[in-house]
Amino acid sequence: MNAPPVPQTFPGRRWNIIAAAFLTLILAAFALRAELLAVRFFDPDELEHLQASFLVSRGLVPHRDFFEHHSHLFHYLLLPLLLPSPGAETIFSARVIMFGLSALILLAAGRSARVLGPPGAALLAAAWLSLDFVFLSKTLEVRPDVPATLFLLLGLLCLLGRHGQVPPGGAGAGLAFSLAFLSTQKAVFPILGLATGALFLRAKGGEGTRWTAWTKWINYGAAGGAFLVPLLAYHLYFLKLGVLSQLVRENYLLHLS
């Protein structure tokens, strides 16, 4: 008499153990991050960005009343913290916001990995990123790289769609990439890489998936248009303030020299 088959439960149990280990690493890294929020030293860049936002909140105009070689979207996003009477607690409040954005970055990175890889890729990507020293140290700080990274990942998600298919998400990607660039000029390099890679994306499976040359270039056109609209509004705003030439010189040409 043959023995009854043994239920194959070990692979599931093994995956649960691995997933629990990854989650433990992610939560441990976040516990360390929370502990460091109030005690880690202040990077000079943090004070520079908060000062620029403070000056704007008091009616001063960048490039006319003070020098600033960074893009200004981040300074304007910080204004709600600076419009009341700012104090020493302001920098800690800003760090708490960076803490929340870091959590969203991990979620977006995990989601991107899940779209591109197997189910375990999401936890692996989030755990790997949360234990990266540069990510751990720099996302503690009040700097535009944090929202820029989130915008870049959201743009990537718009390009990837749900199951690796390419949906008509070009407009969302273009908008997200534009906001990343307006947060920090350094974002131009990953934007160029992602935009180049998007040219080679192909729709997968899915009955009824329609991805023709026409819809492809419509999607890319929507991405380009959505990328340009915030840029145009941003530069028109500084043109109205009478400092567009100074902005171009201090934000772009200075970095190219």
Protein backbone atom coordinates (compact mmCIF):
# COMPACT_ATOMS: atom_id res chain seq x y z
CA MET A 1 0.00 0.00 0.00
CA ASN A 2 1.32 3.38 -1.01
CA ALA A 3 1.73 6.01 1.68
CA PRO A 4 -0.55 9.05 1.34
CA PRO A 5 1.13 12.05 -0.30
CA VAL A 6 2.73 14.53 2.07
CA PRO A 7 1.34 18.06 1.68
CA GLN A 8 3.92 20.36 0.15
CA THR A 9 3.81 23.07 2.78
CA PHE A 10 7.54 23.66 3.28
CA PRO A 11 8.03 26.09 0.34
CA GLY A 12 5.20 28.22 1.67
CA ARG A 13 6.62 28.15 5.16
CA ARG A 14 10.08 28.96 3.84
CA TRP A 15 8.74 31.96 1.95
CA ASN A 16 6.92 33.17 5.06
CA ILE A 17 10.19 32.99 7.01
CA ILE A 18 12.04 34.91 4.29
CA ALA A 19 9.30 37.53 4.05
CA ALA A 20 9.29 37.94 7.84
CA ALA A 21 13.07 38.40 7.78
CA PHE A 22 12.84 41.10 5.11
CA LEU A 23 10.06 42.89 7.00
CA THR A 24 12.12 42.74 10.18
CA LEU A 25 15.08 44.34 8.39
CA ILE A 26 12.88 47.10 6.96
CA LEU A 27 11.24 47.84 10.32
CA ALA A 28 14.59 47.74 12.13
CA ALA A 29 16.04 50.24 9.68
CA PHE A 30 13.05 52.51 10.19
CA ALA A 31 13.32 52.24 13.96
CA LEU A 32 16.96 53.32 13.66
CA ARG A 33 15.93 56.17 11.36
CA ALA A 34 13.29 57.36 13.84
CA GLU A 35 15.85 57.28 16.63
CA LEU A 36 18.28 59.39 14.58
CA LEU A 37 15.76 62.06 13.56
CA ALA A 38 16.30 64.15 16.67
CA VAL A 39 19.95 63.44 17.42
CA ARG A 40 21.81 63.23 14.11
CA PHE A 41 24.04 66.19 13.28
CA PHE A 42 22.70 68.87 10.93
CA ASP A 43 24.13 68.85 7.43
CA PRO A 44 24.86 72.39 6.15
CA ASP A 45 22.60 71.73 3.15
CA GLU A 46 19.62 71.30 5.46
CA LEU A 47 20.11 74.75 6.92
CA GLU A 48 20.69 76.21 3.47
CA HIS A 49 17.37 74.92 2.13
CA LEU A 50 15.45 75.96 5.22
CA GLN A 51 17.03 79.41 5.09
CA ALA A 52 16.10 79.82 1.41
CA SER A 53 12.52 78.83 2.21
CA PHE A 54 12.49 81.21 5.18
CA LEU A 55 13.67 84.11 3.02
CA VAL A 56 10.98 83.37 0.43
CA SER A 57 8.37 83.22 3.20
CA ARG A 58 9.40 86.76 4.19
CA GLY A 59 8.90 88.12 0.70
CA LEU A 60 12.44 87.97 -0.64
CA VAL A 61 12.95 86.86 -4.24
CA PRO A 62 15.58 84.25 -5.18
CA HIS A 63 18.32 85.52 -7.51
CA ARG A 64 17.38 89.12 -6.78
CA ASP A 65 17.62 89.35 -3.01
CA PHE A 66 19.82 86.32 -2.34
CA PHE A 67 21.94 83.82 -4.23
CA GLU A 68 20.69 80.25 -4.64
CA HIS A 69 21.99 77.66 -7.09
CA HIS A 70 19.36 74.99 -6.36
CA SER A 71 15.97 74.64 -8.00
CA HIS A 72 13.20 76.18 -5.95
CA LEU A 73 10.26 73.77 -5.92
CA PHE A 74 11.51 72.26 -2.67
CA HIS A 75 11.82 75.70 -1.05
CA TYR A 76 8.20 76.48 -1.91
CA LEU A 77 7.03 73.09 -0.67
CA LEU A 78 8.61 73.88 2.70
CA LEU A 79 6.75 77.19 3.03
CA PRO A 80 3.91 75.86 5.27
CA LEU A 81 6.55 75.12 7.91
CA LEU A 82 8.12 78.58 7.63
CA LEU A 83 5.10 80.87 7.28
CA PRO A 84 4.31 80.72 11.03
CA SER A 85 6.98 81.84 13.45
CA PRO A 86 9.77 79.31 12.81
CA GLY A 87 11.94 78.05 15.62
CA ALA A 88 14.41 75.30 16.42
CA GLU A 89 11.59 72.76 16.14
CA THR A 90 11.08 73.63 12.47
CA ILE A 91 14.04 71.59 11.28
CA PHE A 92 12.81 68.57 13.23
CA SER A 93 9.34 68.96 11.71
CA ALA A 94 10.93 69.05 8.27
CA ARG A 95 12.88 65.90 9.09
CA VAL A 96 9.66 64.15 10.08
CA ILE A 97 8.26 65.01 6.64
CA MET A 98 11.39 63.53 5.04
CA PHE A 99 10.79 60.43 7.18
CA GLY A 100 7.30 60.05 5.71
CA LEU A 101 8.57 60.60 2.17
CA SER A 102 11.21 57.92 2.76
CA ALA A 103 8.47 55.42 3.61
CA LEU A 104 6.69 56.31 0.36
CA ILE A 105 9.97 55.86 -1.54
CA LEU A 106 10.31 52.33 -0.16
CA LEU A 107 6.73 51.52 -1.15
CA ALA A 108 7.26 52.89 -4.66
CA ALA A 109 10.56 51.03 -5.03
CA GLY A 110 8.93 47.81 -3.87
CA ARG A 111 6.02 48.29 -6.24
CA SER A 112 8.39 48.92 -9.17
CA ALA A 113 10.32 45.75 -8.35
CA ARG A 114 7.07 43.78 -8.07
CA VAL A 115 6.01 44.91 -11.55
CA LEU A 116 9.37 43.98 -13.04
CA GLY A 117 10.10 40.80 -11.08
CA PRO A 118 8.69 37.91 -9.05
CA PRO A 119 6.57 38.43 -5.90
CA GLY A 120 9.57 38.42 -3.57
CA ALA A 121 11.26 41.22 -5.50
CA ALA A 122 9.22 43.90 -3.73
CA LEU A 123 10.41 42.96 -0.25
CA LEU A 124 13.98 42.39 -1.45
CA ALA A 125 14.12 45.82 -3.11
CA ALA A 126 12.63 47.61 -0.10
CA ALA A 127 14.93 45.81 2.35
CA TRP A 128 18.02 46.42 0.23
CA LEU A 129 17.21 50.11 -0.14
CA SER A 130 16.36 50.66 3.52
CA LEU A 131 19.74 49.20 4.55
CA ASP A 132 21.72 51.25 2.03
CA PHE A 133 23.96 53.67 3.93
CA VAL A 134 23.50 56.60 1.53
CA PHE A 135 19.72 56.19 1.54
CA LEU A 136 19.64 55.87 5.32
CA SER A 137 21.81 58.92 5.95
CA LYS A 138 20.67 61.31 3.23
CA THR A 139 16.92 60.73 3.50
CA LEU A 140 17.19 61.72 7.15
CA GLU A 141 18.15 65.19 5.98
CA VAL A 142 16.03 68.06 4.75
CA ARG A 143 17.10 68.05 1.11
CA PRO A 144 15.34 68.11 -2.29
CA ASP A 145 16.77 64.74 -3.28
CA VAL A 146 14.12 63.05 -1.11
CA PRO A 147 10.98 64.31 -2.93
CA ALA A 148 12.87 64.11 -6.24
CA THR A 149 13.51 60.39 -5.69
CA LEU A 150 9.84 59.82 -4.93
CA PHE A 151 8.79 61.71 -8.07
CA LEU A 152 11.22 59.65 -10.18
CA LEU A 153 9.83 56.37 -8.86
CA LEU A 154 6.24 57.52 -9.41
CA GLY A 155 7.18 58.41 -12.99
CA LEU A 156 8.69 54.96 -13.45
CA LEU A 157 5.50 53.36 -12.12
CA CYS A 158 3.46 55.36 -14.62
CA LEU A 159 5.65 54.01 -17.42
CA LEU A 160 5.47 50.42 -16.20
CA GLY A 161 1.74 50.20 -15.58
CA ARG A 162 0.20 47.33 -13.67
CA HIS A 163 1.66 44.09 -14.95
CA GLY A 164 4.59 45.25 -17.01
CA GLN A 165 2.26 46.49 -19.71
CA VAL A 166 2.72 49.96 -21.11
CA PRO A 167 -0.52 51.87 -20.46
CA PRO A 168 -1.31 55.39 -21.62
CA GLY A 169 0.52 56.68 -18.54
CA GLY A 170 2.91 58.97 -20.36
CA ALA A 171 1.32 62.15 -19.04
CA GLY A 172 1.70 61.00 -15.42
CA ALA A 173 5.32 60.03 -16.04
CA GLY A 174 6.09 63.36 -17.69
CA LEU A 175 4.53 65.32 -14.84
CA ALA A 176 6.39 63.30 -12.18
CA PHE A 177 9.73 63.66 -14.00
CA SER A 178 9.19 67.40 -14.37
CA LEU A 179 8.55 67.78 -10.63
CA ALA A 180 11.70 65.75 -9.93
CA PHE A 181 13.75 68.09 -12.11
CA LEU A 182 12.22 71.16 -10.48
CA SER A 183 13.21 69.70 -7.11
CA THR A 184 16.85 69.23 -8.10
CA GLN A 185 18.66 69.64 -11.40
CA LYS A 186 20.56 66.38 -10.75
CA ALA A 187 17.36 64.50 -11.60
CA VAL A 188 18.03 65.18 -15.29
CA PHE A 189 20.40 62.18 -15.40
CA PRO A 190 17.97 59.46 -14.23
CA ILE A 191 15.22 61.16 -16.26
CA LEU A 192 17.28 60.82 -19.44
CA GLY A 193 18.03 57.18 -18.58
CA LEU A 194 14.38 56.32 -17.87
CA ALA A 195 13.16 58.20 -20.95
CA THR A 196 15.65 56.33 -23.14
CA GLY A 197 14.67 53.01 -21.60
CA ALA A 198 10.99 53.77 -22.16
CA LEU A 199 11.63 53.72 -25.91
CA PHE A 200 12.29 49.98 -25.64
CA LEU A 201 9.32 49.05 -23.43
CA ARG A 202 6.86 46.62 -24.95
CA ALA A 203 3.35 45.70 -23.88
CA LYS A 204 3.10 42.13 -22.59
CA GLY A 205 0.28 39.68 -22.88
CA GLY A 206 -3.19 40.75 -22.05
CA GLU A 207 -5.83 40.07 -24.61
CA GLY A 208 -7.00 43.31 -26.06
CA THR A 209 -3.68 45.07 -25.41
CA ARG A 210 -3.24 47.62 -28.17
CA TRP A 211 0.20 49.14 -28.52
CA THR A 212 0.73 50.38 -32.03
CA ALA A 213 3.24 52.86 -33.39
CA TRP A 214 0.49 55.47 -33.24
CA THR A 215 -0.44 54.94 -29.58
CA LYS A 216 3.26 54.66 -28.72
CA TRP A 217 4.09 58.12 -30.01
CA ILE A 218 0.86 59.57 -28.62
CA ASN A 219 1.99 58.30 -25.22
CA TYR A 220 5.47 59.76 -25.63
CA GLY A 221 3.99 63.04 -26.82
CA ALA A 222 1.78 63.19 -23.73
CA ALA A 223 4.85 62.56 -21.56
CA GLY A 224 6.78 65.34 -23.28
CA GLY A 225 3.89 67.78 -23.01
CA ALA A 226 3.28 66.99 -19.33
CA PHE A 227 7.00 67.39 -18.67
CA LEU A 228 7.12 70.82 -20.32
CA VAL A 229 4.00 72.37 -18.74
CA PRO A 230 5.37 72.67 -15.16
CA LEU A 231 8.74 73.79 -16.52
CA LEU A 232 7.07 76.51 -18.56
CA ALA A 233 4.96 77.67 -15.61
CA TYR A 234 8.02 77.68 -13.35
CA HIS A 235 10.12 79.81 -15.69
CA LEU A 236 7.25 82.17 -16.51
CA TYR A 237 6.82 82.76 -12.78
CA PHE A 238 10.43 83.84 -12.43
CA LEU A 239 10.18 85.87 -15.65
CA LYS A 240 7.32 87.77 -14.02
CA LEU A 241 9.55 88.37 -10.99
CA GLY A 242 12.20 89.78 -13.33
CA VAL A 243 14.90 87.26 -12.44
CA LEU A 244 14.70 84.68 -15.24
CA SER A 245 18.13 85.49 -16.66
CA GLN A 246 19.69 85.27 -13.19
CA LEU A 247 17.92 81.95 -12.58
CA VAL A 248 19.26 80.50 -15.84
CA ARG A 249 22.75 81.70 -15.00
CA GLU A 250 22.81 80.52 -11.37
CA ASN A 251 20.71 77.34 -11.69
CA TYR A 252 21.90 75.99 -15.05
CA LEU A 253 24.93 77.70 -16.55
CA LEU A 254 26.81 77.74 -13.27
CA HIS A 255 26.53 73.95 -13.00
CA LEU A 256 27.73 73.50 -16.58
CA SER A 257 30.85 75.62 -16.10
